[in-house]
Protein backbone atom coordinates (compact mmCIF):
# COMPACT_ATOMS: atom_id res chain seq x y z
CA MET A 1 -36.04 -56.11 217.58
CA ARG A 2 -34.87 -59.67 218.07
CA TYR A 3 -34.60 -60.92 221.60
CA ILE A 4 -33.28 -64.44 222.51
CA LEU A 5 -36.17 -66.10 224.14
CA PHE A 6 -34.80 -69.21 226.18
CA SER A 7 -36.92 -71.54 228.23
CA LEU A 8 -35.66 -72.63 231.70
CA SER A 9 -37.67 -74.75 233.84
CA LEU A 10 -37.24 -74.20 237.74
CA VAL A 11 -36.26 -77.79 238.00
CA PHE A 12 -33.21 -76.83 236.00
CA VAL A 13 -32.56 -73.62 238.15
CA PHE A 14 -32.85 -75.55 241.39
CA ALA A 15 -29.78 -77.59 240.18
CA PHE A 16 -27.57 -74.45 240.22
CA THR A 17 -28.85 -71.91 242.91
CA SER A 18 -30.96 -71.78 246.05
CA ARG A 19 -31.87 -68.15 245.15
CA PHE A 20 -34.82 -69.46 243.18
CA SER A 21 -36.21 -71.66 245.89
CA SER A 22 -39.05 -69.22 246.74
CA ALA A 23 -40.62 -69.55 243.23
CA GLN A 24 -43.87 -71.43 243.26
CA ASP A 25 -44.51 -72.08 239.49
CA SER A 26 -42.76 -75.29 238.34
CA LYS A 27 -42.09 -73.91 234.86
CA LYS A 28 -41.43 -70.38 233.46
CA ASP A 29 -39.93 -69.04 230.44
CA TYR A 30 -37.08 -66.54 230.76
CA ASN A 31 -35.18 -64.20 228.59
CA VAL A 32 -31.57 -65.12 228.84
CA VAL A 33 -28.63 -62.66 228.17
CA CYS A 34 -25.04 -63.45 228.20
CA VAL A 35 -22.49 -60.93 229.60
CA ALA A 36 -18.69 -61.86 228.79
CA PHE A 37 -15.25 -60.59 229.29
CA TYR A 38 -12.29 -61.69 227.47
CA ASN A 39 -8.55 -60.77 227.60
CA LEU A 40 -7.57 -61.13 224.06
CA GLU A 41 -3.74 -61.28 224.79
CA ASN A 42 -2.03 -58.69 222.65
CA LEU A 43 -4.43 -58.21 219.78
CA PHE A 44 -2.18 -55.85 217.98
CA ASP A 45 -2.10 -54.52 214.37
CA THR A 46 1.12 -55.03 212.39
CA ILE A 47 1.67 -51.30 212.20
CA ASP A 48 4.53 -49.58 214.25
CA THR A 49 2.67 -46.73 215.91
CA PRO A 50 4.66 -43.62 217.06
CA ASN A 51 5.16 -43.18 220.66
CA VAL A 52 3.76 -46.62 221.51
CA ASN A 53 5.96 -49.60 222.63
CA ASP A 54 4.50 -52.04 219.90
CA TYR A 55 7.47 -52.74 217.86
CA GLU A 56 7.66 -56.37 218.60
CA PHE A 57 4.22 -56.72 216.99
CA THR A 58 5.39 -55.73 213.57
CA PRO A 59 6.71 -57.81 210.77
CA GLU A 60 10.31 -56.75 211.55
CA GLY A 61 9.92 -57.18 215.51
CA THR A 62 10.75 -60.19 217.52
CA ASN A 63 7.35 -61.75 217.09
CA LYS A 64 7.50 -61.48 213.25
CA TRP A 65 3.84 -60.21 213.60
CA ASP A 66 2.88 -60.32 209.90
CA ALA A 67 -0.46 -60.27 208.14
CA LYS A 68 -0.65 -63.94 208.21
CA ARG A 69 -0.31 -64.13 211.97
CA TYR A 70 -2.57 -61.30 212.55
CA ALA A 71 -5.31 -62.82 210.40
CA HIS A 72 -4.65 -66.20 212.34
CA LYS A 73 -5.08 -64.37 215.80
CA GLN A 74 -8.35 -62.63 214.60
CA THR A 75 -9.83 -65.98 213.37
CA ASN A 76 -9.05 -67.58 216.69
CA MET A 77 -10.46 -64.80 218.71
CA ALA A 78 -13.63 -64.89 216.61
CA LYS A 79 -13.98 -68.58 216.94
CA ALA A 80 -13.64 -68.28 220.80
CA ILE A 81 -16.05 -65.43 221.10
CA SER A 82 -18.57 -67.17 218.87
CA GLN A 83 -19.07 -69.97 221.43
CA ILE A 84 -19.14 -67.98 224.61
CA GLY A 85 -22.33 -68.56 226.44
CA THR A 86 -24.00 -70.64 223.62
CA ASP A 87 -24.68 -73.46 225.97
CA TYR A 88 -27.47 -71.24 227.37
CA THR A 89 -28.47 -68.70 224.71
CA PRO A 90 -28.06 -69.51 220.82
CA HIS A 91 -26.47 -66.21 219.88
CA GLY A 92 -23.74 -65.87 222.59
CA ALA A 93 -22.57 -62.90 224.28
CA ALA A 94 -24.80 -59.74 224.01
CA LEU A 95 -22.22 -57.68 225.84
CA LEU A 96 -18.58 -58.44 225.60
CA GLY A 97 -15.98 -56.58 227.42
CA VAL A 98 -12.33 -56.87 226.01
CA SER A 99 -8.84 -55.86 227.02
CA GLU A 100 -5.30 -56.05 225.69
CA ILE A 101 -6.48 -54.52 222.37
CA GLU A 102 -4.29 -52.00 220.53
CA ASN A 103 -6.87 -49.72 219.05
CA LYS A 104 -10.40 -49.51 217.35
CA LEU A 105 -9.01 -50.80 214.20
CA VAL A 106 -8.40 -54.30 215.59
CA LEU A 107 -11.85 -54.53 217.11
CA GLU A 108 -13.32 -53.33 213.58
CA ASP A 109 -11.38 -56.18 211.99
CA LEU A 110 -12.58 -58.62 214.75
CA VAL A 111 -16.30 -57.98 214.37
CA LYS A 112 -16.09 -58.56 210.63
CA GLN A 113 -14.86 -62.12 211.10
CA PRO A 114 -17.25 -64.70 209.55
CA GLU A 115 -17.76 -66.47 212.88
CA ILE A 116 -19.32 -63.50 214.53
CA ALA A 117 -20.22 -61.02 211.67
CA ASP A 118 -23.80 -61.86 211.82
CA ARG A 119 -24.05 -60.47 215.34
CA ASN A 120 -23.39 -57.02 214.07
CA TYR A 121 -21.32 -56.14 217.13
CA GLN A 122 -20.85 -52.29 217.60
CA ILE A 123 -17.86 -51.05 219.46
CA VAL A 124 -17.11 -48.54 222.40
CA HIS A 125 -13.41 -47.67 222.57
CA PHE A 126 -11.20 -44.89 223.97
CA ASP A 127 -7.54 -44.56 223.33
CA GLY A 128 -5.70 -44.74 226.63
CA PRO A 129 -2.26 -43.78 227.90
CA ASP A 130 -0.78 -47.29 228.42
CA ARG A 131 2.83 -47.40 227.26
CA ARG A 132 2.16 -50.63 225.26
CA GLY A 133 -0.78 -49.01 223.72
CA VAL A 134 -3.18 -51.64 224.98
CA ASP A 135 -6.78 -50.48 225.94
CA VAL A 136 -10.08 -51.97 226.97
CA GLY A 137 -13.28 -51.86 225.00
CA LEU A 138 -16.93 -53.07 224.85
CA LEU A 139 -18.56 -55.03 222.01
CA TYR A 140 -22.40 -55.05 221.99
CA ARG A 141 -25.30 -56.26 219.99
CA PRO A 142 -27.50 -53.46 218.98
CA ASP A 143 -30.46 -55.72 218.88
CA TYR A 144 -30.03 -56.32 222.71
CA PHE A 145 -28.35 -53.01 223.94
CA LYS A 146 -28.79 -49.39 223.31
CA VAL A 147 -25.75 -47.15 224.36
CA THR A 148 -26.99 -43.92 226.19
CA ASN A 149 -23.78 -42.80 227.72
CA GLN A 150 -20.03 -43.73 227.50
CA LYS A 151 -17.13 -42.31 229.39
CA SER A 152 -13.32 -43.23 230.03
CA TYR A 153 -11.88 -42.80 233.45
CA ARG A 154 -8.03 -42.15 233.80
CA LEU A 155 -6.00 -43.61 236.82
CA THR A 156 -3.33 -41.16 238.07
CA ILE A 157 -0.98 -41.92 241.22
CA PRO A 158 0.23 -39.01 243.37
CA ASP A 159 3.87 -38.32 242.65
CA ARG A 160 4.09 -40.92 240.02
CA ASP A 161 4.07 -38.87 236.69
CA ASP A 162 5.79 -41.83 235.05
CA PHE A 163 2.89 -44.12 235.65
CA TYR A 164 0.53 -45.01 232.81
CA THR A 165 -2.13 -47.79 232.68
CA ARG A 166 -5.30 -48.62 231.00
CA ASP A 167 -8.24 -46.37 231.51
CA GLN A 168 -11.58 -47.56 232.91
CA LEU A 169 -14.63 -47.70 230.60
CA LEU A 170 -18.04 -46.84 231.79
CA VAL A 171 -21.01 -47.67 229.23
CA SER A 172 -24.57 -46.99 230.31
CA GLY A 173 -27.35 -48.17 228.14
CA GLU A 174 -30.72 -50.00 227.83
CA LEU A 175 -30.45 -53.77 227.96
CA GLN A 176 -33.79 -54.82 226.22
CA GLY A 177 -35.23 -51.72 227.63
CA GLU A 178 -33.72 -51.76 231.27
CA LEU A 179 -30.85 -49.34 232.15
CA ILE A 180 -27.66 -51.03 233.02
CA HIS A 181 -24.15 -49.72 233.64
CA VAL A 182 -21.26 -51.78 232.36
CA LEU A 183 -17.63 -51.11 233.48
CA VAL A 184 -14.69 -52.65 231.76
CA SER A 185 -11.17 -52.54 233.35
CA HIS A 186 -7.67 -54.03 233.12
CA TRP A 187 -5.76 -53.22 236.33
CA PRO A 188 -2.02 -52.81 236.59
CA SER A 189 -0.06 -56.10 236.32
CA ARG A 190 1.91 -57.84 238.94
CA SER A 191 5.11 -56.89 237.05
CA GLY A 192 7.94 -56.59 239.69
CA GLY A 193 6.23 -58.71 242.11
CA GLU A 194 2.70 -59.21 243.47
CA LYS A 195 3.40 -57.35 246.92
CA ARG A 196 5.45 -54.46 245.28
CA SER A 197 2.62 -53.85 242.65
CA GLN A 198 -0.36 -54.24 244.96
CA PRO A 199 -0.77 -50.49 245.73
CA LEU A 200 -1.28 -49.77 242.07
CA ARG A 201 -4.10 -52.43 241.80
CA GLU A 202 -5.66 -51.02 245.03
CA ALA A 203 -5.54 -47.49 243.51
CA ALA A 204 -7.31 -48.85 240.24
CA ALA A 205 -9.79 -50.57 242.64
CA ALA A 206 -10.37 -47.31 244.44
CA LEU A 207 -11.11 -45.57 241.04
CA GLY A 208 -13.56 -48.49 240.15
CA ARG A 209 -15.27 -48.21 243.44
CA HIS A 210 -15.56 -44.34 242.90
CA ILE A 211 -17.40 -44.93 239.87
CA VAL A 212 -19.68 -47.38 241.27
CA ASP A 213 -20.49 -45.05 244.20
CA SER A 214 -21.23 -42.24 241.96
CA LEU A 215 -23.64 -44.34 239.90
CA LEU A 216 -25.16 -45.65 243.23
CA THR A 217 -25.49 -42.21 244.63
CA LEU A 218 -27.66 -41.20 241.50
CA ASP A 219 -29.54 -44.45 241.77
CA PRO A 220 -29.36 -46.67 244.88
CA LYS A 221 -30.97 -49.39 242.68
CA ALA A 222 -28.61 -49.07 239.68
CA LYS A 223 -27.74 -52.25 237.95
CA ILE A 224 -24.03 -52.34 237.64
CA ILE A 225 -21.61 -54.93 236.29
CA TYR A 226 -18.10 -54.13 236.72
CA MET A 227 -15.94 -56.68 234.66
CA GLY A 228 -12.30 -57.09 233.81
CA ASP A 229 -8.87 -58.42 234.18
CA LEU A 230 -8.19 -57.39 237.66
CA ASN A 231 -4.80 -59.03 238.03
CA ASP A 232 -5.93 -60.02 241.41
CA ASP A 233 -8.04 -62.90 242.75
CA PRO A 234 -11.39 -62.66 244.45
CA THR A 235 -9.70 -62.95 247.78
CA ASN A 236 -7.08 -60.09 247.36
CA ALA A 237 -7.67 -57.01 249.39
CA SER A 238 -8.11 -54.86 246.12
CA VAL A 239 -11.36 -56.84 245.31
CA LYS A 240 -12.62 -57.83 248.83
CA LYS A 241 -11.93 -54.55 250.70
CA VAL A 242 -11.46 -51.75 248.30
CA MET A 243 -14.05 -52.70 245.72
CA ARG A 244 -16.23 -54.24 248.56
CA ALA A 245 -16.94 -57.44 246.47
CA LYS A 246 -18.03 -60.35 248.49
CA GLY A 247 -18.69 -63.87 247.53
CA ASP A 248 -21.35 -64.62 250.16
CA VAL A 249 -24.85 -63.00 249.31
CA ASP A 250 -25.79 -63.14 252.90
CA SER A 251 -22.88 -61.14 254.24
CA LEU A 252 -23.57 -58.15 251.81
CA GLN A 253 -24.14 -54.72 253.44
CA ASP A 254 -25.20 -51.58 251.91
CA ALA A 255 -23.56 -50.80 248.53
CA ASP A 256 -21.49 -53.89 248.77
CA MET A 257 -20.94 -55.79 245.57
CA PHE A 258 -21.51 -59.28 245.02
CA ASN A 259 -18.61 -61.31 243.35
CA PRO A 260 -19.91 -64.50 241.64
CA PHE A 261 -16.60 -65.70 240.92
CA TYR A 262 -15.58 -66.17 244.32
CA PRO A 263 -17.23 -69.57 244.96
CA LEU A 264 -15.48 -70.68 241.64
CA TYR A 265 -12.13 -69.62 242.78
CA GLN A 266 -12.58 -71.60 246.16
CA LYS A 267 -13.28 -74.50 243.97
CA GLY A 268 -9.86 -74.20 242.32
CA ILE A 269 -11.40 -72.97 239.01
CA GLY A 270 -9.20 -70.25 237.28
CA SER A 271 -9.06 -68.20 234.19
CA LEU A 272 -5.16 -68.37 233.80
CA ALA A 273 -2.48 -70.41 235.27
CA TYR A 274 1.12 -69.52 236.42
CA ARG A 275 3.79 -71.70 237.79
CA ASP A 276 1.36 -74.70 238.34
CA SER A 277 -1.28 -72.64 240.11
CA TRP A 278 -4.53 -71.33 238.95
CA ASN A 279 -5.69 -67.47 239.12
CA LEU A 280 -9.01 -66.07 238.61
CA PHE A 281 -8.17 -62.62 237.60
CA ASP A 282 -11.11 -62.26 235.04
CA GLN A 283 -14.15 -61.41 237.17
CA HIS A 284 -17.48 -59.76 237.03
CA LEU A 285 -18.66 -57.85 240.16
CA ILE A 286 -22.40 -56.87 240.37
CA SER A 287 -24.53 -54.56 242.29
CA GLN A 288 -27.21 -55.92 244.57
CA SER A 289 -30.14 -55.02 242.42
CA LEU A 290 -29.24 -57.68 240.16
CA LEU A 291 -29.73 -60.22 243.19
CA GLU A 292 -33.37 -59.51 243.86
CA LYS A 293 -35.79 -62.39 243.48
CA ASP A 294 -38.30 -60.52 241.42
CA PHE A 295 -37.52 -61.88 237.99
CA THR A 296 -39.82 -59.42 236.08
CA SER A 297 -36.55 -57.49 235.69
CA PHE A 298 -33.06 -58.70 234.82
CA ARG A 299 -31.38 -60.62 237.72
CA PHE A 300 -27.99 -62.60 237.92
CA PHE A 301 -28.43 -66.35 237.39
CA LYS A 302 -25.02 -67.92 237.17
CA ALA A 303 -21.20 -67.21 236.48
CA PHE A 304 -18.96 -69.33 234.33
CA VAL A 305 -15.26 -69.70 233.23
CA PHE A 306 -15.54 -70.55 229.58
CA ASN A 307 -12.63 -73.15 229.44
CA LYS A 308 -13.71 -75.44 226.68
CA ALA A 309 -11.11 -78.06 225.56
CA PHE A 310 -10.21 -76.16 222.21
CA LEU A 311 -9.07 -73.26 224.30
CA LYS A 312 -6.58 -75.43 226.36
CA GLN A 313 -2.98 -76.59 225.68
CA GLU A 314 -3.33 -80.15 224.60
CA SER A 315 -0.03 -81.69 225.74
CA GLY A 316 3.27 -81.10 227.37
CA ARG A 317 4.26 -79.35 230.66
CA PHE A 318 1.56 -76.73 230.36
CA GLN A 319 -1.27 -79.27 229.40
CA GLY A 320 -4.59 -77.96 230.39
CA TYR A 321 -3.31 -74.17 230.60
CA PRO A 322 -4.90 -71.61 228.40
CA PHE A 323 -3.51 -72.25 224.68
CA ARG A 324 -1.86 -69.01 224.00
CA THR A 325 -0.48 -67.09 221.03
CA PHE A 326 3.10 -66.88 222.06
CA ALA A 327 5.16 -68.89 224.67
CA GLY A 328 8.80 -68.67 225.23
CA GLY A 329 9.22 -66.45 222.33
CA GLN A 330 7.58 -69.09 220.06
CA PHE A 331 4.46 -68.56 217.90
CA LEU A 332 1.95 -71.25 219.15
CA GLY A 333 -0.89 -70.06 217.06
CA GLY A 334 -3.30 -70.32 219.98
CA TYR A 335 -5.91 -68.06 221.53
CA SER A 336 -5.08 -66.21 224.74
CA ASP A 337 -3.24 -66.82 227.92
CA HIS A 338 -6.70 -66.05 229.68
CA PHE A 339 -9.95 -67.95 229.42
CA PRO A 340 -13.05 -65.79 228.86
CA THR A 341 -15.47 -65.47 231.72
CA TYR A 342 -19.28 -64.73 231.60
CA LEU A 343 -22.44 -64.43 233.47
CA LEU A 344 -26.10 -64.92 232.65
CA LEU A 345 -28.80 -62.48 233.27
CA ILE A 346 -32.48 -63.70 233.19
CA LYS A 347 -35.92 -62.30 233.46
CA GLU A 348 -39.43 -63.67 233.02
CA LYS A 349 -40.72 -63.42 229.51
């Protein structure tokens, strides 16, 4: 089994986080693993699927979504994925949660793209009930991660038989021999207004919190990463109160989660932009076992928004925004309306 062995001096570590200040050895070598999430912005195939509202993403639909545009989108997605985390580990993301994908087929096409084919990404995916047909999924490198269990959780709202949204995906497995639980989610959008739609996201958060609590009941030391496009910021009640995800390690109470993207949001760093303001909807929430100081086991190191220049609009009114596939009904040929996000886990070699 090939592991990425990456050397980090504690001088380097000190520059990023005070959690390492108790270490005595000035130089130690660490295994570094990148765990990422990316909203792929409408990665649809070109087929009109019955009972799914996907006609706009067909050759005859409004987006003129033909084989050429589909291939262009796949190439761009693979290019972006190929570079996530490579500043710290040469082979990028070992685990990659994705959202806004139509089906398993589009993921099978994605992992075959030349830019990432050598990673041999495997796929976990379940078809969900979303009216547009979009789901979440997980790509993983089998030389890092061995799946032991997978399950999809459905969100239902009392007295709302007409409500359908993305399922939440739980994948448990061994990350270089350590049991870790990864949840991938895409909460209901802000369509109809943030305030009006907020109860739906809080309901999604309650489902996520239920899954987390179930894992912690079985193992209070469970290592859990809850990632996704939450359609809310780190300061919203759905994240802070319902998921109990806080941005201050010192304020954590029993079973609270840590949100490493909270400090980034406070600095004005976002993963998407709307009306000249930034949101950080794409987050990773982690259980407290990943914060302990014994680095003989995997621990959290640092969180990032992957916002390299090639993923940004180069000019015009939306300069600096994510360079998306469509805007205003026009095909731009970009990547996504979201930047990817990722975190690094490290442990001593």
